[in-house]
């Protein structure tokens, strides 16, 4: 999964990237390069599972973060014909929008609205570029698929010209499939990161409340953190980090919450496999059936699927071990159509 980190100049987006990735990339207006890092998703459940088995290897789920050069911050003033987004933004699974909440004269909702305008204008350019071509093809060939796509693009253009992101356009699944190839930004889930001052740690609700009424049908999460402090925490050894957190009066880095919300935002869950060689979190889409989930491990397991032997994480936690949960009757045998739940501990039986 890829998440593009974007924001207006001086919003602190590269600072947030450094905090998430444990990097030391240059920060500030002058830093125009893109940076990327693959990071592990913190999951206490996997750690607790592995305590009872002590596997040789522990493998967490992963996210790729990409720090993109800043948006212009000009919104509509930039002009629709000048808005071009980097490819990494277009093909990200979600967008992390970093908002300045630390400057004395900051205006978070105004900055978010400017970002929203540029995102809408970018999509408008793409649709206008393709609509005429698609309509012409439909007229010349009578192709039904081209005609349908043209109608969807017209509907999208009307939504954008009305100043609304496509996530608010009421597009059904059929319409969304027709325009998937365009990788339109205003359809992507958003993770809004409110980058606050150090003095606001413990009092960040005043910033979160400004976004409480924001509804994004495509998916939205909001996290408040101090990027500067989080970057300092990421650079510390674990013992020093614990002492620093205690001094701040907080239990854990806000970055852990941000990473976890990044993961859930796009509809991903994990199931666990635990044995002596490895304890591992496997990534699947929410709603995935057992047989398809087996394919996340290996295509042969999916092809030769017989059954899934399942213990929920809640039962593991309640009874203290997988064995104790089984002895309490919490062991289940599920077939190929079982919908895997987040945190399921699974042993797949298969034959090829």
Protein backbone atom coordinates (compact mmCIF):
# COMPACT_ATOMS: atom_id res chain seq x y z
CA UNK A 1 0.00 0.00 0.00
CA UNK A 2 1.24 3.47 -0.90
CA UNK A 3 0.31 6.72 0.81
CA UNK A 4 1.42 10.05 -0.65
CA UNK A 5 2.24 12.77 1.88
CA UNK A 6 1.25 16.17 0.54
CA UNK A 7 0.75 19.67 1.85
CA UNK A 8 1.26 23.36 1.30
CA UNK A 9 4.75 24.88 1.59
CA UNK A 10 6.03 25.02 5.19
CA UNK A 11 3.26 22.73 6.46
CA UNK A 12 5.76 20.28 7.95
CA UNK A 13 5.03 17.37 5.61
CA UNK A 14 8.67 16.29 5.31
CA UNK A 15 9.00 16.52 9.09
CA UNK A 16 6.02 14.16 9.39
CA UNK A 17 7.60 11.85 6.79
CA UNK A 18 10.86 11.80 8.77
CA UNK A 19 8.96 10.98 11.95
CA UNK A 20 7.09 8.09 10.32
CA UNK A 21 10.11 6.68 8.53
CA UNK A 22 12.88 7.46 11.02
CA UNK A 23 14.62 9.49 8.32
CA UNK A 24 16.53 12.77 8.36
CA UNK A 25 15.58 14.25 5.00
CA UNK A 26 16.05 18.00 4.59
CA UNK A 27 12.99 19.95 5.64
CA UNK A 28 11.78 23.38 4.60
CA UNK A 29 10.58 25.21 1.55
CA UNK A 30 13.80 24.51 -0.34
CA UNK A 31 13.38 20.73 -0.28
CA UNK A 32 11.72 19.88 -3.61
CA UNK A 33 12.69 16.22 -4.01
CA UNK A 34 10.37 13.30 -3.34
CA UNK A 35 11.36 10.83 -0.63
CA UNK A 36 10.04 7.35 0.03
CA UNK A 37 10.27 4.75 2.77
CA UNK A 38 8.65 1.42 3.59
CA UNK A 39 7.76 1.21 7.27
CA UNK A 40 6.33 -1.46 9.55
CA UNK A 41 2.81 -1.10 10.95
CA UNK A 42 2.99 -1.23 14.78
CA UNK A 43 0.73 -3.99 16.08
CA UNK A 44 0.82 -5.01 19.74
CA UNK A 45 -1.34 -8.02 18.91
CA UNK A 46 1.39 -9.62 16.82
CA UNK A 47 3.97 -8.98 19.52
CA UNK A 48 1.76 -10.64 22.16
CA UNK A 49 1.04 -13.61 19.91
CA UNK A 50 4.73 -14.16 19.37
CA UNK A 51 5.54 -14.03 23.10
CA UNK A 52 3.95 -17.45 23.58
CA UNK A 53 5.58 -19.04 20.52
CA UNK A 54 8.91 -17.19 20.33
CA UNK A 55 9.31 -17.53 16.55
CA UNK A 56 12.66 -17.02 14.90
CA UNK A 57 11.25 -14.13 12.87
CA UNK A 58 8.48 -11.55 13.31
CA UNK A 59 7.11 -9.84 10.21
CA UNK A 60 4.79 -6.85 10.51
CA UNK A 61 2.52 -5.46 7.81
CA UNK A 62 4.07 -2.61 5.83
CA UNK A 63 3.16 0.76 4.32
CA UNK A 64 5.09 2.78 1.76
CA UNK A 65 5.07 6.52 2.44
CA UNK A 66 6.04 8.94 -0.33
CA UNK A 67 6.85 12.56 0.54
CA UNK A 68 5.85 14.68 -2.47
CA UNK A 69 6.95 18.22 -3.33
CA UNK A 70 4.54 20.78 -1.91
CA UNK A 71 1.34 22.01 -3.52
CA UNK A 72 1.44 25.62 -4.70
CA UNK A 73 -1.02 26.92 -2.12
CA UNK A 74 -2.62 29.16 -4.73
CA UNK A 75 -5.81 27.16 -5.17
CA UNK A 76 -7.96 28.49 -8.00
CA UNK A 77 -5.48 31.30 -8.62
CA UNK A 78 -3.11 28.74 -10.15
CA UNK A 79 -5.46 28.28 -13.09
CA UNK A 80 -6.92 24.93 -14.12
CA UNK A 81 -4.50 24.47 -17.02
CA UNK A 82 -1.43 24.63 -14.77
CA UNK A 83 -2.33 22.02 -12.15
CA UNK A 84 -0.26 18.89 -12.69
CA UNK A 85 0.33 16.33 -9.97
CA UNK A 86 3.35 14.02 -9.67
CA UNK A 87 2.72 10.43 -10.77
CA UNK A 88 3.34 9.21 -7.21
CA UNK A 89 0.31 11.21 -6.05
CA UNK A 90 -1.94 9.89 -8.79
CA UNK A 91 -1.19 6.25 -8.07
CA UNK A 92 -1.22 6.38 -4.28
CA UNK A 93 -3.90 4.39 -2.46
CA UNK A 94 -4.60 7.35 -0.18
CA UNK A 95 -3.42 10.90 0.47
CA UNK A 96 -1.99 12.18 3.74
CA UNK A 97 -2.62 15.93 3.88
CA UNK A 98 -0.39 17.76 6.38
CA UNK A 99 -1.93 21.00 7.69
CA UNK A 100 -0.03 23.77 9.49
CA UNK A 101 -1.46 24.23 12.99
CA UNK A 102 1.74 25.53 14.58
CA UNK A 103 2.26 28.96 13.00
CA UNK A 104 0.93 31.94 14.98
CA UNK A 105 -1.30 33.03 12.09
CA UNK A 106 -2.24 29.56 10.81
CA UNK A 107 -5.67 28.92 9.33
CA UNK A 108 -6.13 25.14 9.09
CA UNK A 109 -9.50 25.00 7.33
CA UNK A 110 -8.40 27.67 4.86
CA UNK A 111 -5.27 25.65 4.06
CA UNK A 112 -7.33 22.48 3.65
CA UNK A 113 -9.71 24.31 1.31
CA UNK A 114 -6.75 25.49 -0.80
CA UNK A 115 -5.51 21.92 -1.06
CA UNK A 116 -9.03 20.79 -1.96
CA UNK A 117 -9.23 23.40 -4.73
CA UNK A 118 -5.96 22.26 -6.28
CA UNK A 119 -7.06 18.64 -6.10
CA UNK A 120 -10.35 19.48 -7.83
CA UNK A 121 -8.56 21.50 -10.52
CA UNK A 122 -6.13 18.67 -11.17
CA UNK A 123 -9.02 16.26 -11.73
CA UNK A 124 -10.79 18.80 -13.91
CA UNK A 125 -7.76 19.06 -16.20
CA UNK A 126 -7.60 15.27 -16.58
CA UNK A 127 -11.31 14.93 -17.32
CA UNK A 128 -11.44 17.81 -19.80
CA UNK A 129 -8.43 16.32 -21.57
CA UNK A 130 -10.15 12.95 -21.99
CA UNK A 131 -13.84 13.80 -22.29
CA UNK A 132 -13.79 15.22 -25.82
CA UNK A 133 -11.69 12.29 -27.02
CA UNK A 134 -14.05 9.76 -25.45
CA UNK A 135 -17.19 11.44 -26.84
CA UNK A 136 -15.66 11.53 -30.32
CA UNK A 137 -14.80 7.83 -30.13
CA UNK A 138 -18.33 6.98 -29.04
CA UNK A 139 -19.86 8.99 -31.90
CA UNK A 140 -17.60 7.46 -34.55
CA UNK A 141 -17.79 3.84 -33.41
CA UNK A 142 -21.03 3.59 -31.47
CA UNK A 143 -19.07 1.77 -28.79
CA UNK A 144 -21.35 1.36 -25.75
CA UNK A 145 -18.51 1.28 -23.26
CA UNK A 146 -17.09 4.53 -24.63
CA UNK A 147 -20.54 6.12 -24.52
CA UNK A 148 -21.01 5.10 -20.89
CA UNK A 149 -17.57 6.36 -19.93
CA UNK A 150 -18.27 9.65 -21.69
CA UNK A 151 -21.47 10.11 -19.70
CA UNK A 152 -19.66 9.37 -16.45
CA UNK A 153 -16.94 11.88 -17.32
CA UNK A 154 -19.59 14.54 -18.07
CA UNK A 155 -21.16 13.92 -14.67
CA UNK A 156 -17.74 14.16 -13.01
CA UNK A 157 -16.93 17.40 -14.78
CA UNK A 158 -20.21 18.97 -13.62
CA UNK A 159 -19.40 17.98 -10.04
CA UNK A 160 -15.90 19.48 -10.21
CA UNK A 161 -17.10 22.68 -11.89
CA UNK A 162 -19.50 23.02 -8.97
CA UNK A 163 -16.46 23.06 -6.67
CA UNK A 164 -17.12 19.63 -5.17
CA UNK A 165 -14.63 16.74 -4.99
CA UNK A 166 -15.66 13.59 -6.82
CA UNK A 167 -16.02 11.76 -3.51
CA UNK A 168 -19.16 13.88 -3.09
CA UNK A 169 -20.41 13.19 -6.60
CA UNK A 170 -22.64 10.22 -5.76
CA UNK A 171 -20.85 7.89 -8.19
CA UNK A 172 -22.00 4.27 -8.03
CA UNK A 173 -19.69 1.25 -8.36
CA UNK A 174 -20.31 1.00 -12.10
CA UNK A 175 -19.33 4.63 -12.64
CA UNK A 176 -16.26 4.29 -10.43
CA UNK A 177 -15.07 1.28 -12.45
CA UNK A 178 -15.42 3.30 -15.65
CA UNK A 179 -13.01 6.00 -14.44
CA UNK A 180 -10.57 3.99 -12.31
CA UNK A 181 -7.84 4.28 -14.95
CA UNK A 182 -7.70 8.07 -14.52
CA UNK A 183 -6.50 7.85 -10.88
CA UNK A 184 -8.48 10.95 -9.91
CA UNK A 185 -7.28 12.60 -6.71
CA UNK A 186 -10.58 13.77 -5.26
CA UNK A 187 -11.80 10.16 -5.07
CA UNK A 188 -8.96 9.07 -2.82
CA UNK A 189 -9.34 8.54 0.93
CA UNK A 190 -7.76 11.34 2.98
CA UNK A 191 -5.74 11.20 6.18
CA UNK A 192 -5.64 14.75 7.53
CA UNK A 193 -2.64 15.38 9.78
CA UNK A 194 -2.90 18.50 11.94
CA UNK A 195 0.71 19.45 12.64
CA UNK A 196 0.59 21.37 15.93
CA UNK A 197 3.03 23.27 18.11
CA UNK A 198 4.79 21.53 21.00
CA UNK A 199 2.87 23.75 23.41
CA UNK A 200 -0.39 22.18 22.19
CA UNK A 201 0.52 18.60 23.11
CA UNK A 202 -2.29 17.37 25.34
CA UNK A 203 -4.60 20.15 24.14
CA UNK A 204 -4.98 19.27 20.47
CA UNK A 205 -8.76 18.89 20.56
CA UNK A 206 -9.08 22.57 19.68
CA UNK A 207 -7.60 21.75 16.26
CA UNK A 208 -9.44 18.45 15.79
CA UNK A 209 -12.76 20.18 16.48
CA UNK A 210 -12.24 22.39 13.42
CA UNK A 211 -12.51 19.29 11.22
CA UNK A 212 -15.21 17.42 13.13
CA UNK A 213 -17.90 18.42 10.63
CA UNK A 214 -15.86 17.45 7.56
CA UNK A 215 -17.53 14.59 5.68
CA UNK A 216 -15.64 12.77 2.94
CA UNK A 217 -17.62 9.82 1.53
CA UNK A 218 -14.46 8.23 0.13
CA UNK A 219 -13.03 7.92 3.65
CA UNK A 220 -11.41 10.34 6.09
CA UNK A 221 -9.33 10.11 9.25
CA UNK A 222 -7.88 13.01 11.23
CA UNK A 223 -4.85 12.90 13.53
CA UNK A 224 -3.30 15.75 15.53
CA UNK A 225 0.41 15.56 16.36
CA UNK A 226 3.52 17.68 16.73
CA UNK A 227 5.73 16.68 13.81
CA UNK A 228 8.84 18.24 15.35
CA UNK A 229 8.49 16.23 18.57
CA UNK A 230 7.58 13.05 16.69
CA UNK A 231 10.71 13.40 14.54
CA UNK A 232 12.83 13.81 17.67
CA UNK A 233 11.19 10.74 19.22
CA UNK A 234 11.88 8.66 16.12
CA UNK A 235 15.60 9.45 16.38
CA UNK A 236 15.90 8.24 20.00
CA UNK A 237 16.84 4.81 21.32
CA UNK A 238 13.89 2.94 22.88
CA UNK A 239 14.91 3.64 26.51
CA UNK A 240 15.43 7.33 25.82
CA UNK A 241 12.15 7.45 23.92
CA UNK A 242 10.24 6.04 26.89
CA UNK A 243 11.75 8.69 29.18
CA UNK A 244 10.94 11.46 26.69
CA UNK A 245 7.32 10.28 26.42
CA UNK A 246 7.05 10.25 30.21
CA UNK A 247 8.32 13.84 30.35
CA UNK A 248 5.67 14.82 27.81
CA UNK A 249 2.97 13.00 29.77
CA UNK A 250 1.86 10.77 26.89
CA UNK A 251 1.73 6.98 26.59
CA UNK A 252 3.00 6.43 23.07
CA UNK A 253 4.12 8.37 20.00
CA UNK A 254 1.22 9.83 18.03
CA UNK A 255 3.00 8.46 14.97
CA UNK A 256 1.89 4.93 15.90
CA UNK A 257 -1.76 6.03 15.74
CA UNK A 258 -1.12 7.79 12.44
CA UNK A 259 0.43 4.66 10.91
CA UNK A 260 -2.43 2.47 12.12
CA UNK A 261 -5.04 4.90 10.77
CA UNK A 262 -3.19 5.00 7.45
CA UNK A 263 -3.70 1.27 7.24
CA UNK A 264 -7.37 1.12 8.19
CA UNK A 265 -8.29 4.15 6.06
CA UNK A 266 -8.09 2.20 2.80
CA UNK A 267 -10.09 -0.77 4.08
CA UNK A 268 -7.21 -3.08 4.92
CA UNK A 269 -7.12 -5.60 7.76
CA UNK A 270 -4.63 -8.23 8.88
CA UNK A 271 -4.78 -11.86 9.88
CA UNK A 272 -1.98 -13.64 11.69
CA UNK A 273 -0.06 -16.85 11.20
CA UNK A 274 2.16 -17.91 14.07
CA UNK A 275 4.65 -20.76 14.24
CA UNK A 276 8.21 -21.51 15.24
CA UNK A 277 9.75 -20.21 11.98
CA UNK A 278 7.76 -16.97 11.80
CA UNK A 279 4.98 -14.90 13.30
CA UNK A 280 3.48 -12.72 10.61
CA UNK A 281 0.72 -10.21 9.88
CA UNK A 282 -0.79 -10.66 6.42
CA UNK A 283 -2.56 -7.80 4.66
CA UNK A 284 -5.93 -8.32 2.96
CA UNK A 285 -8.93 -6.20 2.02
CA UNK A 286 -11.80 -6.08 4.47
CA UNK A 287 -14.44 -8.57 3.32
CA UNK A 288 -11.96 -11.07 1.86
CA UNK A 289 -13.02 -14.73 1.91
CA UNK A 290 -10.82 -17.38 3.51
CA UNK A 291 -9.70 -18.99 0.26
CA UNK A 292 -8.63 -15.64 -1.22
CA UNK A 293 -6.89 -14.73 2.04
CA UNK A 294 -4.88 -17.95 1.78
CA UNK A 295 -3.55 -16.64 -1.53
CA UNK A 296 -1.90 -13.75 0.33
CA UNK A 297 0.50 -16.37 1.71
CA UNK A 298 0.94 -18.42 -1.47
CA UNK A 299 -1.10 -19.13 -4.58
CA UNK A 300 -0.70 -22.89 -3.97
CA UNK A 301 -2.51 -22.56 -0.63
CA UNK A 302 -5.38 -20.77 -2.33
CA UNK A 303 -5.51 -23.31 -5.14
CA UNK A 304 -5.44 -26.32 -2.81
CA UNK A 305 -7.55 -24.79 -0.02
CA UNK A 306 -9.31 -27.32 2.22
CA UNK A 307 -10.24 -25.37 5.34
CA UNK A 308 -9.18 -22.58 7.67
CA UNK A 309 -8.65 -23.28 11.36
CA UNK A 310 -9.41 -20.02 13.16
CA UNK A 311 -9.07 -18.48 16.60
CA UNK A 312 -10.04 -14.82 16.99
CA UNK A 313 -7.53 -12.49 18.59
CA UNK A 314 -10.14 -11.49 21.17
CA UNK A 315 -10.37 -15.11 22.32
CA UNK A 316 -6.58 -15.47 22.34
CA UNK A 317 -6.36 -12.39 24.55
CA UNK A 318 -9.17 -13.54 26.84
CA UNK A 319 -7.72 -17.01 27.47
CA UNK A 320 -4.04 -16.10 27.33
CA UNK A 321 -2.87 -18.44 24.58
CA UNK A 322 -4.02 -20.05 21.37
CA UNK A 323 -4.02 -23.48 23.04
CA UNK A 324 -6.14 -22.26 25.98
CA UNK A 325 -8.61 -20.65 23.57
CA UNK A 326 -8.92 -23.95 21.71
CA UNK A 327 -9.45 -25.85 24.98
CA UNK A 328 -12.24 -23.38 25.82
CA UNK A 329 -14.00 -24.31 22.59
CA UNK A 330 -13.07 -21.15 20.71
CA UNK A 331 -11.40 -23.02 17.86
CA UNK A 332 -13.39 -22.84 14.61
CA UNK A 333 -13.13 -24.70 11.33
CA UNK A 334 -14.20 -22.45 8.45
CA UNK A 335 -14.74 -23.07 4.76
CA UNK A 336 -13.69 -21.13 1.70
CA UNK A 337 -16.52 -18.59 1.95
CA UNK A 338 -15.73 -17.51 5.51
CA UNK A 339 -15.08 -13.75 5.66
CA UNK A 340 -11.82 -13.21 7.51
CA UNK A 341 -12.02 -10.80 10.45
CA UNK A 342 -9.29 -8.40 11.50
CA UNK A 343 -6.96 -10.14 13.94
CA UNK A 344 -7.96 -13.71 13.12
CA UNK A 345 -5.24 -16.26 13.88
CA UNK A 346 -5.42 -18.78 11.05
CA UNK A 347 -3.88 -22.09 10.08
CA UNK A 348 -4.76 -22.99 6.49
CA UNK A 349 -5.07 -26.65 5.51
CA UNK A 350 -4.51 -27.35 1.82
CA UNK A 351 -3.59 -30.06 -0.64
CA UNK A 352 -2.13 -29.78 -4.14
